[in-house]
Protein backbone atom coordinates (compact mmCIF):
# COMPACT_ATOMS: atom_id res chain seq x y z
CA UNK A 1 0.00 0.00 0.00
CA UNK A 2 1.26 3.46 -0.90
CA UNK A 3 1.84 5.72 2.08
CA UNK A 4 1.86 9.48 1.49
CA UNK A 5 3.44 12.45 3.22
CA UNK A 6 1.63 15.59 2.09
CA UNK A 7 3.62 18.81 1.89
CA UNK A 8 2.30 21.63 4.06
CA UNK A 9 1.03 23.85 1.23
CA UNK A 10 -0.87 21.11 -0.59
CA UNK A 11 -4.46 21.82 -1.66
CA UNK A 12 -6.76 20.39 1.02
CA UNK A 13 -9.62 20.11 -1.49
CA UNK A 14 -7.63 17.41 -3.27
CA UNK A 15 -7.01 15.59 0.02
CA UNK A 16 -10.68 15.73 1.01
CA UNK A 17 -11.74 14.43 -2.40
CA UNK A 18 -9.16 11.66 -2.27
CA UNK A 19 -10.29 10.58 1.21
CA UNK A 20 -13.95 10.64 0.13
CA UNK A 21 -13.19 8.30 -2.77
CA UNK A 22 -10.76 6.06 -0.84
CA UNK A 23 -11.11 6.14 2.94
CA UNK A 24 -8.24 3.65 3.29
CA UNK A 25 -5.61 6.01 1.88
CA UNK A 26 -2.66 6.38 4.29
CA UNK A 27 -1.96 10.12 4.45
CA UNK A 28 0.14 12.06 6.93
CA UNK A 29 0.26 15.83 6.54
CA UNK A 30 3.50 17.64 7.34
CA UNK A 31 1.52 19.83 9.77
CA UNK A 32 0.75 16.71 11.83
CA UNK A 33 4.44 16.00 12.42
CA UNK A 34 7.49 17.71 13.86
CA UNK A 35 8.34 18.72 10.27
CA UNK A 36 6.05 21.74 10.19
CA UNK A 37 7.98 24.56 8.46
CA UNK A 38 11.01 22.29 7.99
CA UNK A 39 13.26 22.54 4.93
CA UNK A 40 12.53 20.47 1.83
CA UNK A 41 15.58 18.23 2.42
CA UNK A 42 14.36 17.55 5.97
CA UNK A 43 10.89 16.64 4.68
CA UNK A 44 12.40 14.25 2.13
CA UNK A 45 14.68 12.69 4.75
CA UNK A 46 11.73 12.08 7.09
CA UNK A 47 9.66 10.64 4.23
CA UNK A 48 12.52 8.27 3.36
CA UNK A 49 12.85 7.17 6.98
CA UNK A 50 9.10 6.51 7.18
CA UNK A 51 8.77 4.98 3.70
CA UNK A 52 6.35 7.64 2.49
CA UNK A 53 6.01 9.15 -0.96
CA UNK A 54 5.91 12.96 -0.84
CA UNK A 55 2.85 14.62 -2.39
CA UNK A 56 3.58 18.25 -3.21
CA UNK A 57 2.69 21.27 -5.34
CA UNK A 58 6.32 22.39 -5.15
CA UNK A 59 7.35 21.27 -8.63
CA UNK A 60 10.53 23.36 -8.58
CA UNK A 61 12.50 22.55 -5.43
CA UNK A 62 11.23 19.23 -4.02
CA UNK A 63 12.10 17.29 -7.22
CA UNK A 64 15.54 18.93 -7.27
CA UNK A 65 16.26 17.87 -3.68
CA UNK A 66 14.77 14.42 -4.35
CA UNK A 67 17.16 13.81 -7.22
CA UNK A 68 20.05 15.11 -5.10
CA UNK A 69 19.18 12.35 -2.60
CA UNK A 70 19.20 9.77 -5.37
CA UNK A 71 22.50 11.03 -6.79
CA UNK A 72 24.14 10.88 -3.37
CA UNK A 73 22.95 7.29 -2.81
CA UNK A 74 20.31 8.11 -0.20
CA UNK A 75 16.92 6.45 -0.18
CA UNK A 76 14.07 8.30 -1.84
CA UNK A 77 10.65 6.56 -1.80
CA UNK A 78 9.32 8.92 -4.47
CA UNK A 79 7.63 12.23 -5.14
CA UNK A 80 4.30 13.03 -6.73
CA UNK A 81 4.44 16.65 -7.87
CA UNK A 82 1.10 18.22 -8.75
CA UNK A 83 1.10 21.33 -10.91
CA UNK A 84 -0.74 24.27 -9.38
CA UNK A 85 -3.85 25.08 -11.30
CA UNK A 86 -4.40 21.48 -12.39
CA UNK A 87 -8.04 20.42 -12.41
CA UNK A 88 -8.82 19.07 -8.95
CA UNK A 89 -11.03 16.24 -10.23
CA UNK A 90 -8.37 15.13 -12.68
CA UNK A 91 -5.70 15.09 -9.97
CA UNK A 92 -7.94 13.08 -7.66
CA UNK A 93 -8.64 10.54 -10.42
CA UNK A 94 -4.91 10.24 -11.18
CA UNK A 95 -4.11 9.72 -7.50
CA UNK A 96 -6.84 7.07 -7.18
CA UNK A 97 -5.40 5.27 -10.21
CA UNK A 98 -1.91 5.39 -8.68
CA UNK A 99 -3.16 4.12 -5.32
CA UNK A 100 -4.96 1.19 -6.93
CA UNK A 101 -2.52 0.19 -9.66
CA UNK A 102 1.01 1.01 -8.54
CA UNK A 103 3.26 -0.64 -5.97
CA UNK A 104 5.30 1.66 -3.71
CA UNK A 105 8.54 0.17 -5.03
CA UNK A 106 7.67 1.50 -8.50
CA UNK A 107 8.08 5.04 -7.16
CA UNK A 108 11.53 4.54 -5.63
CA UNK A 109 13.91 7.23 -6.88
CA UNK A 110 11.19 8.66 -9.16
CA UNK A 111 9.35 11.96 -9.48
CA UNK A 112 5.93 11.69 -11.13
CA UNK A 113 4.10 14.80 -12.28
CA UNK A 114 0.31 15.18 -12.21
CA UNK A 115 -1.88 15.44 -14.06
CA UNK A 116 -0.70 12.39 -15.95
CA UNK A 117 -1.96 13.64 -19.35
C-alpha atoms as a PDB file:
ATOM      1  CA  UNK A   1       0.000   0.000   0.000  1.00  0.00           C
ATOM      2  CA  UNK A   2       1.264   3.458  -0.901  1.00  0.00           C
ATOM      3  CA  UNK A   3       1.843   5.717   2.082  1.00  0.00           C
ATOM      4  CA  UNK A   4       1.860   9.481   1.487  1.00  0.00           C
ATOM      5  CA  UNK A   5       3.436  12.449   3.219  1.00  0.00           C
ATOM      6  CA  UNK A   6       1.634  15.587   2.087  1.00  0.00           C
ATOM      7  CA  UNK A   7       3.618  18.813   1.889  1.00  0.00           C
ATOM      8  CA  UNK A   8       2.301  21.632   4.057  1.00  0.00           C
ATOM      9  CA  UNK A   9       1.030  23.853   1.232  1.00  0.00           C
ATOM     10  CA  UNK A  10      -0.869  21.113  -0.590  1.00  0.00           C
ATOM     11  CA  UNK A  11      -4.463  21.819  -1.656  1.00  0.00           C
ATOM     12  CA  UNK A  12      -6.759  20.393   1.021  1.00  0.00           C
ATOM     13  CA  UNK A  13      -9.616  20.113  -1.490  1.00  0.00           C
ATOM     14  CA  UNK A  14      -7.635  17.406  -3.265  1.00  0.00           C
ATOM     15  CA  UNK A  15      -7.008  15.586   0.018  1.00  0.00           C
ATOM     16  CA  UNK A  16     -10.685  15.735   1.006  1.00  0.00           C
ATOM     17  CA  UNK A  17     -11.743  14.425  -2.403  1.00  0.00           C
ATOM     18  CA  UNK A  18      -9.159  11.657  -2.265  1.00  0.00           C
ATOM     19  CA  UNK A  19     -10.289  10.579   1.206  1.00  0.00           C
ATOM     20  CA  UNK A  20     -13.950  10.645   0.127  1.00  0.00           C
ATOM     21  CA  UNK A  21     -13.192   8.300  -2.770  1.00  0.00           C
ATOM     22  CA  UNK A  22     -10.757   6.061  -0.843  1.00  0.00           C
ATOM     23  CA  UNK A  23     -11.105   6.141   2.937  1.00  0.00           C
ATOM     24  CA  UNK A  24      -8.235   3.647   3.287  1.00  0.00           C
ATOM     25  CA  UNK A  25      -5.606   6.012   1.878  1.00  0.00           C
ATOM     26  CA  UNK A  26      -2.657   6.378   4.285  1.00  0.00           C
ATOM     27  CA  UNK A  27      -1.955  10.118   4.446  1.00  0.00           C
ATOM     28  CA  UNK A  28       0.140  12.063   6.928  1.00  0.00           C
ATOM     29  CA  UNK A  29       0.260  15.834   6.545  1.00  0.00           C
ATOM     30  CA  UNK A  30       3.501  17.638   7.345  1.00  0.00           C
ATOM     31  CA  UNK A  31       1.515  19.826   9.767  1.00  0.00           C
ATOM     32  CA  UNK A  32       0.751  16.711  11.833  1.00  0.00           C
ATOM     33  CA  UNK A  33       4.441  16.001  12.416  1.00  0.00           C
ATOM     34  CA  UNK A  34       7.486  17.715  13.858  1.00  0.00           C
ATOM     35  CA  UNK A  35       8.336  18.717  10.273  1.00  0.00           C
ATOM     36  CA  UNK A  36       6.047  21.738  10.189  1.00  0.00           C
ATOM     37  CA  UNK A  37       7.981  24.558   8.464  1.00  0.00           C
ATOM     38  CA  UNK A  38      11.013  22.286   7.985  1.00  0.00           C
ATOM     39  CA  UNK A  39      13.256  22.536   4.930  1.00  0.00           C
ATOM     40  CA  UNK A  40      12.527  20.472   1.834  1.00  0.00           C
ATOM     41  CA  UNK A  41      15.581  18.233   2.417  1.00  0.00           C
ATOM     42  CA  UNK A  42      14.361  17.547   5.969  1.00  0.00           C
ATOM     43  CA  UNK A  43      10.890  16.642   4.680  1.00  0.00           C
ATOM     44  CA  UNK A  44      12.403  14.254   2.127  1.00  0.00           C
ATOM     45  CA  UNK A  45      14.678  12.688   4.747  1.00  0.00           C
ATOM     46  CA  UNK A  46      11.729  12.081   7.086  1.00  0.00           C
ATOM     47  CA  UNK A  47       9.660  10.637   4.232  1.00  0.00           C
ATOM     48  CA  UNK A  48      12.515   8.273   3.365  1.00  0.00           C
ATOM     49  CA  UNK A  49      12.848   7.170   6.979  1.00  0.00           C
ATOM     50  CA  UNK A  50       9.104   6.505   7.179  1.00  0.00           C
ATOM     51  CA  UNK A  51       8.773   4.979   3.695  1.00  0.00           C
ATOM     52  CA  UNK A  52       6.345   7.644   2.495  1.00  0.00           C
ATOM     53  CA  UNK A  53       6.007   9.153  -0.961  1.00  0.00           C
ATOM     54  CA  UNK A  54       5.907  12.958  -0.841  1.00  0.00           C
ATOM     55  CA  UNK A  55       2.852  14.615  -2.395  1.00  0.00           C
ATOM     56  CA  UNK A  56       3.577  18.254  -3.208  1.00  0.00           C
ATOM     57  CA  UNK A  57       2.692  21.274  -5.338  1.00  0.00           C
ATOM     58  CA  UNK A  58       6.317  22.389  -5.152  1.00  0.00           C
ATOM     59  CA  UNK A  59       7.346  21.275  -8.633  1.00  0.00           C
ATOM     60  CA  UNK A  60      10.529  23.358  -8.578  1.00  0.00           C
ATOM     61  CA  UNK A  61      12.498  22.555  -5.427  1.00  0.00           C
ATOM     62  CA  UNK A  62      11.226  19.234  -4.023  1.00  0.00           C
ATOM     63  CA  UNK A  63      12.102  17.287  -7.218  1.00  0.00           C
ATOM     64  CA  UNK A  64      15.543  18.932  -7.269  1.00  0.00           C
ATOM     65  CA  UNK A  65      16.259  17.868  -3.684  1.00  0.00           C
ATOM     66  CA  UNK A  66      14.772  14.422  -4.346  1.00  0.00           C
ATOM     67  CA  UNK A  67      17.165  13.810  -7.225  1.00  0.00           C
ATOM     68  CA  UNK A  68      20.049  15.107  -5.097  1.00  0.00           C
ATOM     69  CA  UNK A  69      19.184  12.354  -2.603  1.00  0.00           C
ATOM     70  CA  UNK A  70      19.204   9.766  -5.375  1.00  0.00           C
ATOM     71  CA  UNK A  71      22.503  11.029  -6.790  1.00  0.00           C
ATOM     72  CA  UNK A  72      24.142  10.877  -3.366  1.00  0.00           C
ATOM     73  CA  UNK A  73      22.952   7.293  -2.813  1.00  0.00           C
ATOM     74  CA  UNK A  74      20.313   8.106  -0.195  1.00  0.00           C
ATOM     75  CA  UNK A  75      16.915   6.451  -0.177  1.00  0.00           C
ATOM     76  CA  UNK A  76      14.068   8.301  -1.844  1.00  0.00           C
ATOM     77  CA  UNK A  77      10.652   6.564  -1.800  1.00  0.00           C
ATOM     78  CA  UNK A  78       9.325   8.923  -4.470  1.00  0.00           C
ATOM     79  CA  UNK A  79       7.632  12.229  -5.140  1.00  0.00           C
ATOM     80  CA  UNK A  80       4.302  13.028  -6.733  1.00  0.00           C
ATOM     81  CA  UNK A  81       4.443  16.645  -7.867  1.00  0.00           C
ATOM     82  CA  UNK A  82       1.099  18.219  -8.749  1.00  0.00           C
ATOM     83  CA  UNK A  83       1.104  21.327 -10.911  1.00  0.00           C
ATOM     84  CA  UNK A  84      -0.742  24.268  -9.376  1.00  0.00           C
ATOM     85  CA  UNK A  85      -3.853  25.080 -11.302  1.00  0.00           C
ATOM     86  CA  UNK A  86      -4.399  21.479 -12.393  1.00  0.00           C
ATOM     87  CA  UNK A  87      -8.044  20.423 -12.406  1.00  0.00           C
ATOM     88  CA  UNK A  88      -8.819  19.067  -8.948  1.00  0.00           C
ATOM     89  CA  UNK A  89     -11.032  16.240 -10.226  1.00  0.00           C
ATOM     90  CA  UNK A  90      -8.370  15.126 -12.684  1.00  0.00           C
ATOM     91  CA  UNK A  91      -5.695  15.086  -9.974  1.00  0.00           C
ATOM     92  CA  UNK A  92      -7.944  13.083  -7.660  1.00  0.00           C
ATOM     93  CA  UNK A  93      -8.638  10.542 -10.417  1.00  0.00           C
ATOM     94  CA  UNK A  94      -4.912  10.242 -11.183  1.00  0.00           C
ATOM     95  CA  UNK A  95      -4.114   9.724  -7.499  1.00  0.00           C
ATOM     96  CA  UNK A  96      -6.835   7.071  -7.184  1.00  0.00           C
ATOM     97  CA  UNK A  97      -5.397   5.271 -10.206  1.00  0.00           C
ATOM     98  CA  UNK A  98      -1.912   5.392  -8.683  1.00  0.00           C
ATOM     99  CA  UNK A  99      -3.159   4.116  -5.317  1.00  0.00           C
ATOM    100  CA  UNK A 100      -4.963   1.187  -6.934  1.00  0.00           C
ATOM    101  CA  UNK A 101      -2.523   0.193  -9.665  1.00  0.00           C
ATOM    102  CA  UNK A 102       1.007   1.010  -8.540  1.00  0.00           C
ATOM    103  CA  UNK A 103       3.256  -0.639  -5.971  1.00  0.00           C
ATOM    104  CA  UNK A 104       5.301   1.661  -3.706  1.00  0.00           C
ATOM    105  CA  UNK A 105       8.541   0.168  -5.030  1.00  0.00           C
ATOM    106  CA  UNK A 106       7.672   1.502  -8.502  1.00  0.00           C
ATOM    107  CA  UNK A 107       8.075   5.042  -7.161  1.00  0.00           C
ATOM    108  CA  UNK A 108      11.526   4.542  -5.634  1.00  0.00           C
ATOM    109  CA  UNK A 109      13.909   7.233  -6.884  1.00  0.00           C
ATOM    110  CA  UNK A 110      11.189   8.658  -9.156  1.00  0.00           C
ATOM    111  CA  UNK A 111       9.348  11.957  -9.481  1.00  0.00           C
ATOM    112  CA  UNK A 112       5.935  11.688 -11.129  1.00  0.00           C
ATOM    113  CA  UNK A 113       4.097  14.797 -12.280  1.00  0.00           C
ATOM    114  CA  UNK A 114       0.313  15.179 -12.207  1.00  0.00           C
ATOM    115  CA  UNK A 115      -1.882  15.445 -14.058  1.00  0.00           C
ATOM    116  CA  UNK A 116      -0.701  12.387 -15.953  1.00  0.00           C
ATOM    117  CA  UNK A 117      -1.965  13.635 -19.351  1.00  0.00           C
END
